[in-house]
PDB file of N, CA and C in Angstrom:
ATOM      1  N   MET A   1     116.404 132.344 100.960  1.00  0.00           N
ATOM      2  CA  MET A   1     116.947 131.564 102.036  1.00  0.00           C
ATOM      3  C   MET A   1     118.435 131.343 101.803  1.00  0.00           C
ATOM      4  N   GLN A   2     119.138 131.216 102.889  1.00  0.00           N
ATOM      5  CA  GLN A   2     120.569 130.961 102.781  1.00  0.00           C
ATOM      6  C   GLN A   2     121.007 130.041 103.899  1.00  0.00           C
ATOM      7  N   SER A   3     122.178 129.451 103.717  1.00  0.00           N
ATOM      8  CA  SER A   3     122.757 128.566 104.710  1.00  0.00           C
ATOM      9  C   SER A   3     124.280 128.688 104.574  1.00  0.00           C
ATOM     10  N   THR A   4     124.981 128.471 105.660  1.00  0.00           N
ATOM     11  CA  THR A   4     126.436 128.588 105.657  1.00  0.00           C
ATOM     12  C   THR A   4     127.059 127.191 105.586  1.00  0.00           C
ATOM     13  N   ILE A   5     128.141 127.090 104.828  1.00  0.00           N
ATOM     14  CA  ILE A   5     128.870 125.812 104.707  1.00  0.00           C
ATOM     15  C   ILE A   5     129.931 125.767 105.787  1.00  0.00           C
ATOM     16  N   SER A   6     129.991 124.672 106.544  1.00  0.00           N
ATOM     17  CA  SER A   6     130.996 124.517 107.620  1.00  0.00           C
ATOM     18  C   SER A   6     132.347 124.136 106.999  1.00  0.00           C
ATOM     19  N   SER A   7     133.391 124.099 107.830  1.00  0.00           N
ATOM     20  CA  SER A   7     134.729 123.700 107.372  1.00  0.00           C
ATOM     21  C   SER A   7     134.744 122.269 106.893  1.00  0.00           C
ATOM     22  N   LYS A   8     133.771 121.472 107.320  1.00  0.00           N
ATOM     23  CA  LYS A   8     133.656 120.074 106.870  1.00  0.00           C
ATOM     24  C   LYS A   8     132.777 119.925 105.621  1.00  0.00           C
ATOM     25  N   GLY A   9     132.319 121.057 105.078  1.00  0.00           N
ATOM     26  CA  GLY A   9     131.447 121.010 103.882  1.00  0.00           C
ATOM     27  C   GLY A   9     130.020 120.728 104.205  1.00  0.00           C
ATOM     28  N   GLN A  10     129.631 120.826 105.478  1.00  0.00           N
ATOM     29  CA  GLN A  10     128.291 120.539 105.877  1.00  0.00           C
ATOM     30  C   GLN A  10     127.460 121.827 105.944  1.00  0.00           C
ATOM     31  N   THR A  11     126.149 121.659 105.783  1.00  0.00           N
ATOM     32  CA  THR A  11     125.248 122.804 105.887  1.00  0.00           C
ATOM     33  C   THR A  11     123.917 122.292 106.500  1.00  0.00           C
ATOM     34  N   THR A  12     123.127 123.204 106.944  1.00  0.00           N
ATOM     35  CA  THR A  12     121.800 122.868 107.442  1.00  0.00           C
ATOM     36  C   THR A  12     120.777 123.251 106.406  1.00  0.00           C
ATOM     37  N   ILE A  13     119.894 122.315 106.099  1.00  0.00           N
ATOM     38  CA  ILE A  13     118.806 122.621 105.165  1.00  0.00           C
ATOM     39  C   ILE A  13     117.787 123.473 105.930  1.00  0.00           C
ATOM     40  N   PRO A  14     117.474 124.651 105.425  1.00  0.00           N
ATOM     41  CA  PRO A  14     116.526 125.523 106.132  1.00  0.00           C
ATOM     42  C   PRO A  14     115.209 124.800 106.446  1.00  0.00           C
ATOM     43  N   LYS A  15     114.646 125.130 107.603  1.00  0.00           N
ATOM     44  CA  LYS A  15     113.402 124.487 108.062  1.00  0.00           C
ATOM     45  C   LYS A  15     112.287 124.539 107.028  1.00  0.00           C
ATOM     46  N   GLU A  16     112.106 125.679 106.379  1.00  0.00           N
ATOM     47  CA  GLU A  16     111.067 125.814 105.386  1.00  0.00           C
ATOM     48  C   GLU A  16     111.211 124.762 104.267  1.00  0.00           C
ATOM     49  N   ILE A  17     112.460 124.509 103.855  1.00  0.00           N
ATOM     50  CA  ILE A  17     112.685 123.501 102.804  1.00  0.00           C
ATOM     51  C   ILE A  17     112.462 122.090 103.370  1.00  0.00           C
ATOM     52  N   ARG A  18     112.973 121.833 104.581  1.00  0.00           N
ATOM     53  CA  ARG A  18     112.776 120.528 105.209  1.00  0.00           C
ATOM     54  C   ARG A  18     111.278 120.210 105.333  1.00  0.00           C
ATOM     55  N   ASP A  19     110.515 121.213 105.742  1.00  0.00           N
ATOM     56  CA  ASP A  19     109.054 121.026 105.893  1.00  0.00           C
ATOM     57  C   ASP A  19     108.427 120.774 104.530  1.00  0.00           C
ATOM     58  N   HIS A  20     108.824 121.561 103.526  1.00  0.00           N
ATOM     59  CA  HIS A  20     108.271 121.419 102.184  1.00  0.00           C
ATOM     60  C   HIS A  20     108.515 120.022 101.620  1.00  0.00           C
ATOM     61  N   LEU A  21     109.728 119.500 101.827  1.00  0.00           N
ATOM     62  CA  LEU A  21     110.112 118.192 101.308  1.00  0.00           C
ATOM     63  C   LEU A  21     109.740 117.042 102.303  1.00  0.00           C
ATOM     64  N   ARG A  22     109.161 117.450 103.431  1.00  0.00           N
ATOM     65  CA  ARG A  22     108.766 116.478 104.458  1.00  0.00           C
ATOM     66  C   ARG A  22     109.941 115.636 104.939  1.00  0.00           C
ATOM     67  N   LEU A  23     111.069 116.288 105.101  1.00  0.00           N
ATOM     68  CA  LEU A  23     112.284 115.591 105.540  1.00  0.00           C
ATOM     69  C   LEU A  23     112.316 115.454 107.063  1.00  0.00           C
ATOM     70  N   LYS A  24     112.753 114.289 107.502  1.00  0.00           N
ATOM     71  CA  LYS A  24     112.889 114.027 108.922  1.00  0.00           C
ATOM     72  C   LYS A  24     114.344 113.657 109.214  1.00  0.00           C
ATOM     73  N   PRO A  25     114.793 113.758 110.455  1.00  0.00           N
ATOM     74  CA  PRO A  25     116.171 113.357 110.773  1.00  0.00           C
ATOM     75  C   PRO A  25     116.447 111.929 110.284  1.00  0.00           C
ATOM     76  N   GLY A  26     117.579 111.753 109.641  1.00  0.00           N
ATOM     77  CA  GLY A  26     117.941 110.428 109.133  1.00  0.00           C
ATOM     78  C   GLY A  26     117.532 110.195 107.689  1.00  0.00           C
ATOM     79  N   ASP A  27     116.644 111.030 107.140  1.00  0.00           N
ATOM     80  CA  ASP A  27     116.280 110.917 105.720  1.00  0.00           C
ATOM     81  C   ASP A  27     117.454 111.216 104.846  1.00  0.00           C
ATOM     82  N   LYS A  28     117.451 110.664 103.647  1.00  0.00           N
ATOM     83  CA  LYS A  28     118.504 110.923 102.653  1.00  0.00           C
ATOM     84  C   LYS A  28     117.961 111.793 101.547  1.00  0.00           C
ATOM     85  N   VAL A  29     118.841 112.603 100.989  1.00  0.00           N
ATOM     86  CA  VAL A  29     118.464 113.463  99.862  1.00  0.00           C
ATOM     87  C   VAL A  29     119.442 113.221  98.732  1.00  0.00           C
ATOM     88  N   LYS A  30     119.024 113.565  97.539  1.00  0.00           N
ATOM     89  CA  LYS A  30     119.862 113.441  96.345  1.00  0.00           C
ATOM     90  C   LYS A  30     119.997 114.816  95.717  1.00  0.00           C
ATOM     91  N   PHE A  31     121.207 115.129  95.237  1.00  0.00           N
ATOM     92  CA  PHE A  31     121.455 116.395  94.597  1.00  0.00           C
ATOM     93  C   PHE A  31     121.674 116.184  93.103  1.00  0.00           C
ATOM     94  N   PHE A  32     121.125 117.059  92.310  1.00  0.00           N
ATOM     95  CA  PHE A  32     121.282 117.015  90.859  1.00  0.00           C
ATOM     96  C   PHE A  32     121.808 118.360  90.390  1.00  0.00           C
ATOM     97  N   ILE A  33     122.827 118.350  89.549  1.00  0.00           N
ATOM     98  CA  ILE A  33     123.358 119.593  88.950  1.00  0.00           C
ATOM     99  C   ILE A  33     122.909 119.631  87.501  1.00  0.00           C
ATOM    100  N   HIS A  34     122.139 120.646  87.152  1.00  0.00           N
ATOM    101  CA  HIS A  34     121.641 120.791  85.801  1.00  0.00           C
ATOM    102  C   HIS A  34     122.690 121.511  84.936  1.00  0.00           C
ATOM    103  N   PRO A  35     122.646 121.294  83.597  1.00  0.00           N
ATOM    104  CA  PRO A  35     123.602 121.933  82.719  1.00  0.00           C
ATOM    105  C   PRO A  35     123.664 123.453  82.861  1.00  0.00           C
ATOM    106  N   ASP A  36     122.561 124.085  83.189  1.00  0.00           N
ATOM    107  CA  ASP A  36     122.546 125.539  83.304  1.00  0.00           C
ATOM    108  C   ASP A  36     123.146 126.002  84.663  1.00  0.00           C
ATOM    109  N   GLY A  37     123.543 125.063  85.527  1.00  0.00           N
ATOM    110  CA  GLY A  37     124.203 125.407  86.771  1.00  0.00           C
ATOM    111  C   GLY A  37     123.348 125.346  88.015  1.00  0.00           C
ATOM    112  N   HIS A  38     122.019 125.298  87.890  1.00  0.00           N
ATOM    113  CA  HIS A  38     121.228 125.249  89.108  1.00  0.00           C
ATOM    114  C   HIS A  38     121.236 123.834  89.705  1.00  0.00           C
ATOM    115  N   VAL A  39     121.061 123.771  91.001  1.00  0.00           N
ATOM    116  CA  VAL A  39     121.127 122.516  91.729  1.00  0.00           C
ATOM    117  C   VAL A  39     119.715 122.209  92.271  1.00  0.00           C
ATOM    118  N   VAL A  40     119.334 120.950  92.211  1.00  0.00           N
ATOM    119  CA  VAL A  40     118.034 120.512  92.702  1.00  0.00           C
ATOM    120  C   VAL A  40     118.306 119.512  93.814  1.00  0.00           C
ATOM    121  N   ILE A  41     117.563 119.604  94.896  1.00  0.00           N
ATOM    122  CA  ILE A  41     117.652 118.632  95.996  1.00  0.00           C
ATOM    123  C   ILE A  41     116.287 117.942  96.108  1.00  0.00           C
ATOM    124  N   LEU A  42     116.316 116.614  96.101  1.00  0.00           N
ATOM    125  CA  LEU A  42     115.104 115.823  96.188  1.00  0.00           C
ATOM    126  C   LEU A  42     115.246 114.763  97.296  1.00  0.00           C
ATOM    127  N   PRO A  43     114.185 114.493  98.014  1.00  0.00           N
ATOM    128  CA  PRO A  43     114.236 113.427  99.010  1.00  0.00           C
ATOM    129  C   PRO A  43     114.337 112.077  98.305  1.00  0.00           C
ATOM    130  N   MET A  44     115.122 111.175  98.907  1.00  0.00           N
ATOM    131  CA  MET A  44     115.194 109.791  98.396  1.00  0.00           C
ATOM    132  C   MET A  44     114.134 109.008  99.151  1.00  0.00           C
ATOM    133  N   LEU A  45     113.274 108.369  98.397  1.00  0.00           N
ATOM    134  CA  LEU A  45     112.210 107.576  99.022  1.00  0.00           C
ATOM    135  C   LEU A  45     112.746 106.253  99.483  1.00  0.00           C
ATOM    136  N   PRO A  46     112.362 105.794 100.678  1.00  0.00           N
ATOM    137  CA  PRO A  46     112.760 104.459 101.078  1.00  0.00           C
ATOM    138  C   PRO A  46     112.019 103.420 100.232  1.00  0.00           C
ATOM    139  N   VAL A  47     112.586 102.287 100.075  1.00  0.00           N
ATOM    140  CA  VAL A  47     111.959 101.249  99.264  1.00  0.00           C
ATOM    141  C   VAL A  47     110.574 100.923  99.768  1.00  0.00           C
ATOM    142  N   THR A  48     110.352 101.015 101.062  1.00  0.00           N
ATOM    143  CA  THR A  48     109.030 100.703 101.636  1.00  0.00           C
ATOM    144  C   THR A  48     107.963 101.658 101.112  1.00  0.00           C
ATOM    145  N   ALA A  49     108.351 102.849 100.700  1.00  0.00           N
ATOM    146  CA  ALA A  49     107.377 103.838 100.170  1.00  0.00           C
ATOM    147  C   ALA A  49     106.841 103.389  98.826  1.00  0.00           C
ATOM    148  N   LEU A  50     107.559 102.498  98.147  1.00  0.00           N
ATOM    149  CA  LEU A  50     107.152 102.033  96.824  1.00  0.00           C
ATOM    150  C   LEU A  50     106.237 100.779  96.904  1.00  0.00           C
ATOM    151  N   LYS A  51     106.092 100.229  98.109  1.00  0.00           N
ATOM    152  CA  LYS A  51     105.288  99.011  98.285  1.00  0.00           C
ATOM    153  C   LYS A  51     103.886  99.246  97.724  1.00  0.00           C
ATOM    154  N   GLY A  52     103.441  98.301  96.891  1.00  0.00           N
ATOM    155  CA  GLY A  52     102.109  98.354  96.341  1.00  0.00           C
ATOM    156  C   GLY A  52     101.971  99.203  95.082  1.00  0.00           C
ATOM    157  N   MET A  53     103.031  99.907  94.710  1.00  0.00           N
ATOM    158  CA  MET A  53     102.945 100.787  93.538  1.00  0.00           C
ATOM    159  C   MET A  53     102.646 100.012  92.278  1.00  0.00           C
ATOM    160  N   LEU A  54     103.182  98.818  92.150  1.00  0.00           N
ATOM    161  CA  LEU A  54     103.009  98.005  90.949  1.00  0.00           C
ATOM    162  C   LEU A  54     102.124  96.764  91.259  1.00  0.00           C
ATOM    163  N   HIS A  55     101.270  96.913  92.201  1.00  0.00           N
ATOM    164  CA  HIS A  55     100.432  95.794  92.643  1.00  0.00           C
ATOM    165  C   HIS A  55      99.508  95.347  91.491  1.00  0.00           C
ATOM    166  N   ALA A  56      99.577  94.056  91.185  1.00  0.00           N
ATOM    167  CA  ALA A  56      98.729  93.483  90.125  1.00  0.00           C
ATOM    168  C   ALA A  56      97.314  93.302  90.673  1.00  0.00           C
ATOM    169  N   ARG A  57      96.351  93.342  89.784  1.00  0.00           N
ATOM    170  CA  ARG A  57      94.953  93.134  90.207  1.00  0.00           C
ATOM    171  C   ARG A  57      94.718  91.724  90.675  1.00  0.00           C
ATOM    172  N   ARG A  58      95.444  90.792  90.075  1.00  0.00           N
ATOM    173  CA  ARG A  58      95.368  89.413  90.528  1.00  0.00           C
ATOM    174  C   ARG A  58      96.727  88.762  90.317  1.00  0.00           C
ATOM    175  N   ARG A  59      96.942  87.651  90.981  1.00  0.00           N
ATOM    176  CA  ARG A  59      98.240  86.966  90.803  1.00  0.00           C
ATOM    177  C   ARG A  59      98.241  86.187  89.516  1.00  0.00           C
ATOM    178  N   ALA A  60      99.395  86.162  88.884  1.00  0.00           N
ATOM    179  CA  ALA A  60      99.522  85.398  87.641  1.00  0.00           C
ATOM    180  C   ALA A  60      99.784  83.938  87.968  1.00  0.00           C
ATOM    181  N   SER A  61      99.214  83.041  87.151  1.00  0.00           N
ATOM    182  CA  SER A  61      99.459  81.639  87.349  1.00  0.00           C
ATOM    183  C   SER A  61     100.863  81.283  86.844  1.00  0.00           C
ATOM    184  N   LEU A  62     101.376  80.130  87.223  1.00  0.00           N
ATOM    185  CA  LEU A  62     102.690  79.697  86.723  1.00  0.00           C
ATOM    186  C   LEU A  62     102.666  79.580  85.227  1.00  0.00           C
ATOM    187  N   GLU A  63     101.575  79.147  84.676  1.00  0.00           N
ATOM    188  CA  GLU A  63     101.456  79.013  83.210  1.00  0.00           C
ATOM    189  C   GLU A  63     101.556  80.382  82.547  1.00  0.00           C
ATOM    190  N   GLU A  64     100.861  81.374  83.101  1.00  0.00           N
ATOM    191  CA  GLU A  64     100.922  82.728  82.541  1.00  0.00           C
ATOM    192  C   GLU A  64     102.306  83.319  82.643  1.00  0.00           C
ATOM    193  N   MET A  65     103.010  83.053  83.757  1.00  0.00           N
ATOM    194  CA  MET A  65     104.370  83.532  83.916  1.00  0.00           C
ATOM    195  C   MET A  65     105.297  82.900  82.877  1.00  0.00           C
ATOM    196  N   ALA A  66     105.087  81.630  82.593  1.00  0.00           N
ATOM    197  CA  ALA A  66     105.927  80.920  81.606  1.00  0.00           C
ATOM    198  C   ALA A  66     105.655  81.421  80.214  1.00  0.00           C
ATOM    199  N   GLU A  67     104.405  81.798  79.907  1.00  0.00           N
ATOM    200  CA  GLU A  67     104.020  82.268  78.574  1.00  0.00           C
ATOM    201  C   GLU A  67     104.421  83.712  78.311  1.00  0.00           C
ATOM    202  N   ALA A  68     104.624  84.497  79.312  1.00  0.00           N
ATOM    203  CA  ALA A  68     104.872  85.939  79.152  1.00  0.00           C
ATOM    204  C   ALA A  68     106.126  86.222  78.288  1.00  0.00           C
ATOM    205  N   PRO A  69     107.251  85.575  78.510  1.00  0.00           N
ATOM    206  CA  PRO A  69     108.421  85.890  77.657  1.00  0.00           C
ATOM    207  C   PRO A  69     108.183  85.506  76.213  1.00  0.00           C
ATOM    208  N   VAL A  70     107.445  84.443  75.965  1.00  0.00           N
ATOM    209  CA  VAL A  70     107.160  84.025  74.586  1.00  0.00           C
ATOM    210  C   VAL A  70     106.242  85.053  73.920  1.00  0.00           C
ATOM    211  N   ALA A  71     105.248  85.514  74.642  1.00  0.00           N
ATOM    212  CA  ALA A  71     104.346  86.521  74.085  1.00  0.00           C
ATOM    213  C   ALA A  71     105.065  87.820  73.811  1.00  0.00           C
ATOM    214  N   GLY A  72     105.992  88.190  74.689  1.00  0.00           N
ATOM    215  CA  GLY A  72     106.768  89.412  74.471  1.00  0.00           C
ATOM    216  C   GLY A  72     107.691  89.302  73.252  1.00  0.00           C
ATOM    217  N   ALA A  73     108.316  88.143  73.100  1.00  0.00           N
ATOM    218  CA  ALA A  73     109.185  87.919  71.948  1.00  0.00           C
ATOM    219  C   ALA A  73     108.359  87.950  70.642  1.00  0.00           C
ATOM    220  N   ALA A  74     107.199  87.372  70.672  1.00  0.00           N
ATOM    221  CA  ALA A  74     106.319  87.343  69.500  1.00  0.00           C
ATOM    222  C   ALA A  74     105.910  88.785  69.121  1.00  0.00           C
ATOM    223  N   GLU A  75     105.582  89.564  70.122  1.00  0.00           N
ATOM    224  CA  GLU A  75     105.193  90.977  69.867  1.00  0.00           C
ATOM    225  C   GLU A  75     106.335  91.770  69.298  1.00  0.00           C
ATOM    226  N   ARG A  76     107.540  91.574  69.830  1.00  0.00           N
ATOM    227  CA  ARG A  76     108.723  92.282  69.271  1.00  0.00           C
ATOM    228  C   ARG A  76     108.979  91.858  67.841  1.00  0.00           C
ATOM    229  N   TYR A  77     108.775  90.579  67.530  1.00  0.00           N
ATOM    230  CA  TYR A  77     108.978  90.089  66.164  1.00  0.00           C
ATOM    231  C   TYR A  77     107.983  90.731  65.204  1.00  0.00           C
ATOM    232  N   ARG A  78     106.689  90.807  65.656  1.00  0.00           N
ATOM    233  CA  ARG A  78     105.634  91.430  64.832  1.00  0.00           C
ATOM    234  C   ARG A  78     105.958  92.885  64.564  1.00  0.00           C
ATOM    235  N   ARG A  79     106.458  93.594  65.566  1.00  0.00           N
ATOM    236  CA  ARG A  79     106.820  95.008  65.371  1.00  0.00           C
ATOM    237  C   ARG A  79     107.987  95.156  64.399  1.00  0.00           C
ATOM    238  N   SER A  80     108.947  94.207  64.457  1.00  0.00           N
ATOM    239  CA  SER A  80     110.086  94.302  63.545  1.00  0.00           C
ATOM    240  C   SER A  80     109.665  94.099  62.106  1.00  0.00           C
ATOM    241  N   LEU A  81     108.592  93.360  61.860  1.00  0.00           N
ATOM    242  CA  LEU A  81     108.090  93.129  60.510  1.00  0.00           C
ATOM    243  C   LEU A  81     107.468  94.396  59.946  1.00  0.00           C
ATOM    244  N   ARG A  82     106.904  95.226  60.813  1.00  0.00           N
ATOM    245  CA  ARG A  82     106.252  96.492  60.369  1.00  0.00           C
ATOM    246  C   ARG A  82     107.265  97.527  59.978  1.00  0.00           C
ATOM    247  N   SER A  83     108.481  97.453  60.502  1.00  0.00           N
ATOM    248  CA  SER A  83     109.498  98.477  60.250  1.00  0.00           C
ATOM    249  C   SER A  83     110.109  98.374  58.872  1.00  0.00           C
TER     250      SER A  83
END
């Protein structure tokens, strides 16, 4: 596949690639340049696509939320003793 760069530096993403990445008008993409020189284009997911990804099985109580930093600090301290 190929595409031509305009005088403004714009190009059209070939339909086959747009379909493969499920890109729609208005979607954003991100470009990555790898050390070996090849370029990767990936769709940027809207924040709404991440909704529910980290959904907890149940809501934490205020007491549990207050205890969490203490428990984390205690665990880090225990790990430091093992080193």
